[in-house]
């Protein structure tokens, strides 16, 4: 088995066992409205309240929209409610089953396919929007996946992609300083990539998927084939500041979110 196949199998194992966000609905029966509503509340009110506006869930009515790595369909449902014509792909069959069920539960329509983001099963110029949130930093050929996004977008179409941010508080403090140096993982011969694989997408099943990070400059370079590229940084929680949090004003905190947050969000026009 090739190393590329092994990396993708680890990713599939991770999200087959631990669907992204499911823990936040654990007080309710899986697959119920209450279960999905609890996941949504946490995602868009507690964890990332910036996401609906930044991702533009209501900005694409009538658009043919593809999500690469739809997971349990949380974001894709929002686009569907906003009037987009939704297609979701995921490498994990369980994710496709959950998303299909979720759309039906809320009376929404979509097309869902088990597929690999590096080899999209669609003709060129098929979509008005391609969206991917927190997925392409787990695939071995991220640049190849972005070339595929460019291919399947029509001219003038929009790509919205989130990748993990190298120059973030989480990367330098939690991963490099706390785990790598203070806990001596580097002295034990473990690399930053090893640490991220174990702890960024933590799983009781120890799947250890591939995890990569990108600076704003690196992210912009990945999208150089697009005609217009906007890069912004988001996603920082006050608890990440630890003992410094009470000393940080709300204005300063908003500035820090846009500089050392964990997410790089790229909006690119073909």
Protein backbone atom coordinates (compact mmCIF):
# COMPACT_ATOMS: atom_id res chain seq x y z
CA UNK A 1 0.00 0.00 0.00
CA UNK A 2 1.40 3.43 -0.96
CA UNK A 3 2.05 6.07 1.69
CA UNK A 4 -0.59 8.29 0.11
CA UNK A 5 -3.23 5.60 0.45
CA UNK A 6 -2.25 5.06 4.08
CA UNK A 7 -2.64 8.75 4.90
CA UNK A 8 -6.10 8.88 3.38
CA UNK A 9 -7.14 5.71 5.17
CA UNK A 10 -6.08 7.26 8.49
CA UNK A 11 -8.22 10.29 7.72
CA UNK A 12 -11.18 8.07 6.83
CA UNK A 13 -10.72 6.11 10.07
CA UNK A 14 -10.59 9.33 12.11
CA UNK A 15 -13.92 10.67 10.90
CA UNK A 16 -15.64 7.31 10.63
CA UNK A 17 -15.09 6.80 14.36
CA UNK A 18 -15.43 10.44 15.46
CA UNK A 19 -17.61 12.50 13.09
CA UNK A 20 -16.52 16.12 13.37
CA UNK A 21 -18.65 17.98 15.90
CA UNK A 22 -20.70 14.99 17.05
CA UNK A 23 -19.47 15.35 20.64
CA UNK A 24 -21.47 18.58 20.97
CA UNK A 25 -24.72 16.74 20.37
CA UNK A 26 -24.00 13.87 22.74
CA UNK A 27 -26.86 14.76 25.12
CA UNK A 28 -29.34 13.83 22.38
CA UNK A 29 -30.03 10.73 20.34
CA UNK A 30 -27.75 10.67 17.25
CA UNK A 31 -29.49 11.59 14.03
CA UNK A 32 -32.35 13.52 15.62
CA UNK A 33 -33.16 17.18 15.07
CA UNK A 34 -32.12 17.87 18.65
CA UNK A 35 -28.75 16.26 17.99
CA UNK A 36 -28.05 18.33 14.89
CA UNK A 37 -29.46 21.54 16.40
CA UNK A 38 -27.11 21.22 19.39
CA UNK A 39 -24.13 20.80 17.05
CA UNK A 40 -25.16 23.89 15.09
CA UNK A 41 -25.61 26.01 18.21
CA UNK A 42 -22.14 25.16 19.43
CA UNK A 43 -20.49 25.67 16.05
CA UNK A 44 -22.03 29.03 15.15
CA UNK A 45 -22.64 30.67 18.53
CA UNK A 46 -19.87 29.38 20.83
CA UNK A 47 -16.99 28.10 18.71
CA UNK A 48 -17.02 30.21 15.53
CA UNK A 49 -19.69 32.95 15.53
CA UNK A 50 -17.74 34.66 12.73
CA UNK A 51 -18.32 31.77 10.36
CA UNK A 52 -21.80 32.50 8.87
CA UNK A 53 -20.75 35.99 7.80
CA UNK A 54 -17.23 35.14 6.64
CA UNK A 55 -18.25 32.01 4.75
CA UNK A 56 -21.34 33.67 3.30
CA UNK A 57 -23.88 30.94 3.94
CA UNK A 58 -26.71 33.13 2.59
CA UNK A 59 -24.78 34.72 -0.28
CA UNK A 60 -25.19 32.05 -2.98
CA UNK A 61 -28.90 31.54 -3.73
CA UNK A 62 -29.31 29.52 -6.93
CA UNK A 63 -25.58 28.81 -7.18
CA UNK A 64 -24.25 25.33 -7.89
CA UNK A 65 -22.15 24.74 -4.79
CA UNK A 66 -19.76 21.88 -4.04
CA UNK A 67 -18.39 21.16 -0.57
CA UNK A 68 -15.23 19.05 -0.44
CA UNK A 69 -15.19 17.12 2.83
CA UNK A 70 -18.76 17.79 3.94
CA UNK A 71 -18.44 15.78 7.17
CA UNK A 72 -21.82 15.69 8.89
CA UNK A 73 -23.13 18.42 6.63
CA UNK A 74 -23.25 21.26 9.18
CA UNK A 75 -22.00 23.98 6.82
CA UNK A 76 -23.60 22.48 3.72
CA UNK A 77 -27.02 22.63 5.39
CA UNK A 78 -26.47 26.36 5.96
CA UNK A 79 -25.71 26.90 2.28
CA UNK A 80 -28.77 24.83 1.40
CA UNK A 81 -30.96 26.98 3.62
CA UNK A 82 -29.49 30.00 1.84
CA UNK A 83 -30.76 28.69 -1.48
CA UNK A 84 -27.63 27.11 -2.95
CA UNK A 85 -27.90 23.95 -5.07
CA UNK A 86 -25.72 21.69 -2.95
CA UNK A 87 -23.37 18.83 -3.75
CA UNK A 88 -21.26 17.28 -1.02
CA UNK A 89 -18.36 14.86 -1.30
CA UNK A 90 -16.41 13.13 1.43
CA UNK A 91 -13.85 10.35 1.55
CA UNK A 92 -15.74 8.81 4.48
CA UNK A 93 -18.91 6.83 3.59
CA UNK A 94 -20.39 7.39 7.04
CA UNK A 95 -20.16 11.16 6.57
CA UNK A 96 -22.10 10.92 3.32
CA UNK A 97 -24.79 8.82 5.00
CA UNK A 98 -25.14 11.32 7.85
CA UNK A 99 -25.27 14.34 5.52
CA UNK A 100 -27.89 12.71 3.28
CA UNK A 101 -30.01 11.91 6.35
CA UNK A 102 -29.57 15.42 7.74
CA UNK A 103 -30.70 17.09 4.52
CA UNK A 104 -33.77 14.87 4.36
CA UNK A 105 -34.57 15.55 8.03
CA UNK A 106 -34.73 19.30 7.34
CA UNK A 107 -36.52 19.00 4.00
CA UNK A 108 -33.50 20.06 1.95
CA UNK A 109 -32.25 18.60 -1.31
CA UNK A 110 -28.70 17.79 -2.33
CA UNK A 111 -26.38 15.38 -4.13
CA UNK A 112 -23.88 13.39 -2.06
CA UNK A 113 -20.98 11.28 -3.28
CA UNK A 114 -18.14 9.31 -1.65
CA UNK A 115 -15.12 10.77 -3.41
CA UNK A 116 -11.57 12.05 -3.07
CA UNK A 117 -10.94 15.80 -3.14
CA UNK A 118 -7.75 15.28 -5.11
CA UNK A 119 -9.69 13.68 -8.00
CA UNK A 120 -13.08 15.31 -8.30
CA UNK A 121 -15.58 13.26 -10.33
CA UNK A 122 -17.04 16.26 -12.15
CA UNK A 123 -16.50 17.90 -15.55
CA UNK A 124 -14.64 21.17 -15.77
CA UNK A 125 -16.68 24.35 -15.15
CA UNK A 126 -19.35 22.45 -13.18
CA UNK A 127 -19.80 24.74 -10.16
CA UNK A 128 -20.29 28.38 -9.23
CA UNK A 129 -18.84 27.89 -5.73
CA UNK A 130 -16.48 25.33 -4.21
CA UNK A 131 -16.22 25.29 -0.42
CA UNK A 132 -13.94 23.33 1.89
CA UNK A 133 -13.52 23.98 5.61
CA UNK A 134 -10.73 22.30 7.56
CA UNK A 135 -10.21 19.46 5.10
CA UNK A 136 -7.50 20.13 2.53
CA UNK A 137 -4.73 20.35 5.14
CA UNK A 138 -5.39 16.65 5.78
CA UNK A 139 -4.92 15.46 2.20
CA UNK A 140 -1.42 14.60 0.94
CA UNK A 141 -1.60 16.64 -2.28
CA UNK A 142 -3.20 19.89 -1.09
CA UNK A 143 -1.93 21.80 -4.12
CA UNK A 144 -3.41 19.15 -6.41
CA UNK A 145 -6.77 19.42 -4.67
CA UNK A 146 -6.74 23.19 -5.20
CA UNK A 147 -5.96 22.70 -8.89
CA UNK A 148 -9.02 20.44 -9.01
CA UNK A 149 -11.12 23.16 -7.38
CA UNK A 150 -9.92 25.58 -10.05
CA UNK A 151 -10.78 23.08 -12.80
CA UNK A 152 -14.37 22.40 -11.72
CA UNK A 153 -15.19 26.08 -11.08
CA UNK A 154 -16.71 28.11 -13.89
CA UNK A 155 -14.90 31.29 -14.90
CA UNK A 156 -15.78 33.92 -12.30
CA UNK A 157 -16.66 31.23 -9.76
CA UNK A 158 -15.62 31.45 -6.10
CA UNK A 159 -13.54 29.12 -3.94
CA UNK A 160 -13.80 29.40 -0.15
CA UNK A 161 -11.28 27.27 1.71
CA UNK A 162 -10.10 27.11 5.32
CA UNK A 163 -6.66 25.78 6.22
CA UNK A 164 -4.85 25.68 9.56
CA UNK A 165 -2.64 28.70 10.24
CA UNK A 166 1.08 28.25 10.87
CA UNK A 167 1.54 31.66 12.50
CA UNK A 168 -1.17 31.08 15.07
CA UNK A 169 -1.21 31.09 18.85
CA UNK A 170 -2.34 27.47 18.82
CA UNK A 171 0.57 26.33 16.64
CA UNK A 172 3.39 28.14 18.44
CA UNK A 173 2.17 27.95 22.02
CA UNK A 174 0.19 24.74 22.31
CA UNK A 175 1.95 22.56 19.73
CA UNK A 176 5.55 23.84 19.57
CA UNK A 177 6.11 25.31 23.07
CA UNK A 178 3.86 23.30 25.36
CA UNK A 179 3.99 19.89 23.73
CA UNK A 180 7.21 20.02 21.74
CA UNK A 181 9.48 21.80 24.22
CA UNK A 182 7.98 21.79 27.71
CA UNK A 183 6.71 18.20 27.47
CA UNK A 184 9.95 17.23 25.70
CA UNK A 185 8.33 15.57 22.69
CA UNK A 186 11.09 17.01 20.48
CA UNK A 187 13.72 15.38 22.70
CA UNK A 188 11.93 12.05 22.20
CA UNK A 189 12.43 12.40 18.46
CA UNK A 190 8.91 13.49 17.61
CA UNK A 191 8.42 16.12 14.92
CA UNK A 192 5.88 18.94 14.85
CA UNK A 193 3.93 16.94 12.28
CA UNK A 194 3.90 13.92 14.62
CA UNK A 195 2.52 16.06 17.44
CA UNK A 196 -0.16 17.64 15.25
CA UNK A 197 -1.19 14.24 13.92
CA UNK A 198 -1.84 12.98 17.44
CA UNK A 199 -3.31 16.04 19.15
CA UNK A 200 -4.85 18.46 16.64
CA UNK A 201 -7.53 15.99 15.60
CA UNK A 202 -7.56 14.04 18.85
CA UNK A 203 -9.30 10.67 18.75
CA UNK A 204 -9.75 7.90 21.27
CA UNK A 205 -9.17 5.55 18.34
CA UNK A 206 -5.68 6.98 17.67
CA UNK A 207 -6.16 7.27 13.92
CA UNK A 208 -3.54 10.06 13.68
CA UNK A 209 -4.48 11.68 10.35
CA UNK A 210 -2.11 13.86 8.39
CA UNK A 211 -2.21 17.52 9.55
CA UNK A 212 -0.50 20.44 7.81
CA UNK A 213 -0.34 24.19 8.52
CA UNK A 214 0.10 27.18 6.21
CA UNK A 215 1.13 30.80 6.61
CA UNK A 216 -0.89 33.47 4.82
CA UNK A 217 1.88 33.73 2.22
CA UNK A 218 1.92 29.96 1.67
CA UNK A 219 -1.87 29.89 1.39
CA UNK A 220 -1.83 32.68 -1.19
CA UNK A 221 0.81 30.79 -3.18
CA UNK A 222 -1.38 27.67 -3.27
CA UNK A 223 -4.10 29.74 -4.97
CA UNK A 224 -1.85 31.56 -7.43
CA UNK A 225 -3.74 30.15 -10.45
CA UNK A 226 -6.82 32.18 -9.42
CA UNK A 227 -7.33 35.74 -10.67
CA UNK A 228 -8.22 37.31 -7.30
CA UNK A 229 -7.24 35.96 -3.88
CA UNK A 230 -8.22 37.28 -0.44
CA UNK A 231 -6.63 35.76 2.68
CA UNK A 232 -7.83 36.42 6.22
CA UNK A 233 -7.19 34.88 9.63
CA UNK A 234 -9.93 33.94 12.11
CA UNK A 235 -10.71 31.62 15.04
CA UNK A 236 -9.26 32.50 18.40
CA UNK A 237 -11.04 31.81 21.70
CA UNK A 238 -10.45 33.81 24.85
CA UNK A 239 -9.63 30.68 26.82
CA UNK A 240 -6.62 30.19 24.53
CA UNK A 241 -5.12 33.34 26.06
CA UNK A 242 -5.25 31.63 29.47
CA UNK A 243 -4.11 33.93 32.33
CA UNK A 244 -3.68 36.86 29.95
CA UNK A 245 -7.33 36.94 28.95
CA UNK A 246 -8.52 39.40 31.65
CA UNK A 247 -5.81 41.85 30.55
CA UNK A 248 -6.88 41.84 26.89
CA UNK A 249 -9.53 44.37 25.87
CA UNK A 250 -12.25 43.42 23.42
CA UNK A 251 -10.73 45.62 20.72
CA UNK A 252 -7.31 44.04 21.17
CA UNK A 253 -8.88 40.58 21.21
CA UNK A 254 -10.59 41.22 17.86
CA UNK A 255 -7.23 42.33 16.45
CA UNK A 256 -5.52 39.19 17.74
CA UNK A 257 -8.23 37.01 16.19
CA UNK A 258 -7.29 38.40 12.80
CA UNK A 259 -3.56 37.92 13.32
CA UNK A 260 -2.91 34.79 15.36
CA UNK A 261 -6.12 32.82 14.91
CA UNK A 262 -6.02 29.12 14.02
CA UNK A 263 -7.80 29.40 10.65
CA UNK A 264 -6.61 30.86 7.36
CA UNK A 265 -9.67 31.55 5.21
CA UNK A 266 -9.03 31.98 1.49
CA UNK A 267 -11.62 33.47 -0.85
CA UNK A 268 -10.46 33.11 -4.45
CA UNK A 269 -12.14 33.97 -7.75
CA UNK A 270 -11.30 32.01 -10.90
